[in-house]
Protein backbone atom coordinates (compact mmCIF):
# COMPACT_ATOMS: atom_id res chain seq x y z
CA MET A 1 123.27 83.45 112.74
CA ARG A 2 119.39 82.62 114.90
CA ASN A 3 118.85 86.08 115.47
CA ARG A 4 119.61 87.16 112.13
CA ARG A 5 117.05 84.63 110.96
CA ALA A 6 114.61 85.62 113.35
CA ALA A 7 114.99 89.44 112.39
CA HIS A 8 114.63 88.48 108.89
CA ARG A 9 111.90 86.35 109.60
CA LEU A 10 110.08 89.32 111.93
CA GLY A 11 110.55 91.44 108.73
CA ARG A 12 108.89 89.51 106.37
CA GLU A 13 106.05 89.13 108.82
CA ALA A 14 105.76 92.93 109.36
CA GLU A 15 106.14 93.36 105.44
CA ALA A 16 103.05 91.05 105.01
CA ALA A 17 101.04 92.38 108.48
CA CYS A 18 101.63 96.09 106.42
CA ALA A 19 100.73 95.48 103.17
CA GLU A 20 97.48 93.37 103.90
CA HIS A 21 96.44 96.64 106.21
CA LEU A 22 96.86 98.61 103.09
CA ARG A 23 95.18 96.09 100.61
CA ALA A 24 92.26 96.07 103.38
CA ALA A 25 92.34 100.34 102.92
CA GLY A 26 91.75 99.74 99.08
CA TRP A 27 95.09 100.05 97.88
CA ARG A 28 96.41 97.56 94.91
CA ILE A 29 99.44 96.05 96.37
CA ILE A 30 101.87 95.73 93.25
CA GLY A 31 104.39 93.72 95.14
CA VAL A 32 106.53 92.95 98.65
CA ARG A 33 110.20 93.22 98.19
CA VAL A 34 110.39 94.13 95.09
CA GLN A 35 113.78 94.28 93.62
CA THR A 36 115.31 97.01 91.43
CA GLY A 37 118.85 97.78 90.12
CA ALA A 38 119.34 100.02 93.06
CA GLY A 39 117.74 98.44 95.99
CA GLU A 40 114.78 96.96 97.47
CA ILE A 41 111.35 98.15 97.79
CA ASP A 42 109.37 96.96 100.78
CA ILE A 43 106.35 97.54 99.20
CA LEU A 44 105.59 99.09 95.88
CA ALA A 45 101.61 100.03 95.74
CA VAL A 46 98.85 102.30 94.03
CA GLU A 47 96.55 104.43 96.05
CA ASP A 48 94.27 106.05 93.96
CA ASP A 49 96.47 108.54 91.29
CA THR A 50 99.78 107.92 93.24
CA LEU A 51 102.45 105.29 93.13
CA VAL A 52 103.67 104.62 96.61
CA ILE A 53 106.85 103.28 97.52
CA VAL A 54 106.66 102.12 101.34
CA GLU A 55 109.64 101.37 103.74
CA VAL A 56 108.30 99.13 106.50
CA LYS A 57 110.30 98.83 110.06
CA ALA A 58 109.25 96.47 112.88
CA ARG A 59 110.66 97.30 116.56
CA ALA A 60 109.51 97.14 120.06
CA TYR A 61 108.23 100.70 119.42
CA GLU A 62 106.78 102.51 116.55
CA ALA A 63 109.02 105.96 116.96
CA ASP A 64 112.46 103.39 116.62
CA GLY A 65 110.79 102.03 113.50
CA LEU A 66 110.36 105.61 111.81
CA TYR A 67 114.05 106.31 113.00
CA ALA A 68 115.49 103.47 111.37
CA ILE A 69 115.01 104.92 108.14
CA THR A 70 117.66 107.04 107.84
CA ARG A 71 118.75 110.14 105.15
CA ALA A 72 121.21 107.19 103.28
CA LYS A 73 118.10 104.88 103.51
CA GLN A 74 115.58 107.26 101.92
CA LYS A 75 118.21 108.09 99.29
CA ARG A 76 118.88 104.41 98.04
CA LEU A 77 115.03 104.36 98.23
CA VAL A 78 114.30 107.24 95.50
CA ALA A 79 117.22 105.76 93.57
CA ALA A 80 115.00 102.55 93.60
CA ALA A 81 111.75 104.65 92.69
CA TRP A 82 113.92 106.33 89.45
CA ALA A 83 114.54 102.55 88.40
CA ILE A 84 111.34 101.80 88.32
CA LEU A 85 110.20 104.86 86.75
CA ALA A 86 113.00 104.38 84.05
CA ASN A 87 111.78 100.70 83.11
CA PRO A 88 108.18 100.06 84.58
CA GLY A 89 107.93 96.84 82.06
CA LYS A 90 110.01 94.95 84.77
CA ILE A 91 107.91 95.15 87.40
CA ALA A 92 105.19 92.38 87.31
CA GLY A 93 101.46 93.79 87.91
CA LEU A 94 102.78 97.39 87.41
CA ALA A 95 100.41 99.19 84.45
CA THR A 96 101.68 101.48 81.91
CA PRO A 97 101.23 104.83 82.01
CA LEU A 98 102.54 104.83 85.34
CA PRO A 99 100.27 106.97 88.34
CA PRO A 100 101.40 110.16 87.67
CA ASN A 101 102.20 111.34 91.25
CA ILE A 102 104.81 109.28 93.53
CA ARG A 103 104.92 109.02 97.47
CA PHE A 104 107.03 107.83 99.49
CA ASP A 105 105.47 106.55 102.92
CA ALA A 106 106.62 104.78 106.37
CA MET A 107 105.16 102.24 108.10
CA ALA A 108 106.19 100.68 111.26
CA VAL A 109 105.26 97.91 113.18
CA SER A 110 105.45 96.88 116.84
CA ALA A 111 103.91 94.46 119.40
CA SER A 112 101.38 97.12 120.63
CA GLY A 113 98.60 97.04 117.76
CA PRO A 114 98.08 97.27 114.11
CA PRO A 115 100.63 98.92 111.85
CA PHE A 116 101.39 102.70 112.33
CA HIS A 117 101.14 104.24 108.69
CA LEU A 118 103.18 107.95 108.06
CA ARG A 119 102.17 109.23 104.89
CA ASP A 120 104.23 111.31 102.66
CA ALA A 121 107.64 110.31 105.37
CA TRP A 122 109.88 112.42 103.13
CA ARG A 123 110.41 113.98 99.89
CA GLU A 124 112.99 113.55 96.91
CA GLU A 125 115.55 116.53 97.60
């Protein structure tokens, strides 16, 4: 049970670090741990004219975090994005009309340095 709580805490810290990293880069953070009917989005943000869904992974090595975002996880995030697009009014802070573009990014956090940000990590098929 202790390991599960530690992993949960580490995940929250990683999400907060990534959100702050993006905020410092000028992004507007809509929410962290955004719940939709199709699942949770770690970070929902807007960069310029793009709504960005960000999946965050904390691992000992950044590459391990990126590999942990499986195809099944990507599909769940696409479904969560569709849930947001179908009902944008349910997400506090999300202005309508919605940005015209949507993108899926990945961020990996390790003890070795700042968050690693992979833009356009995958696309909906």
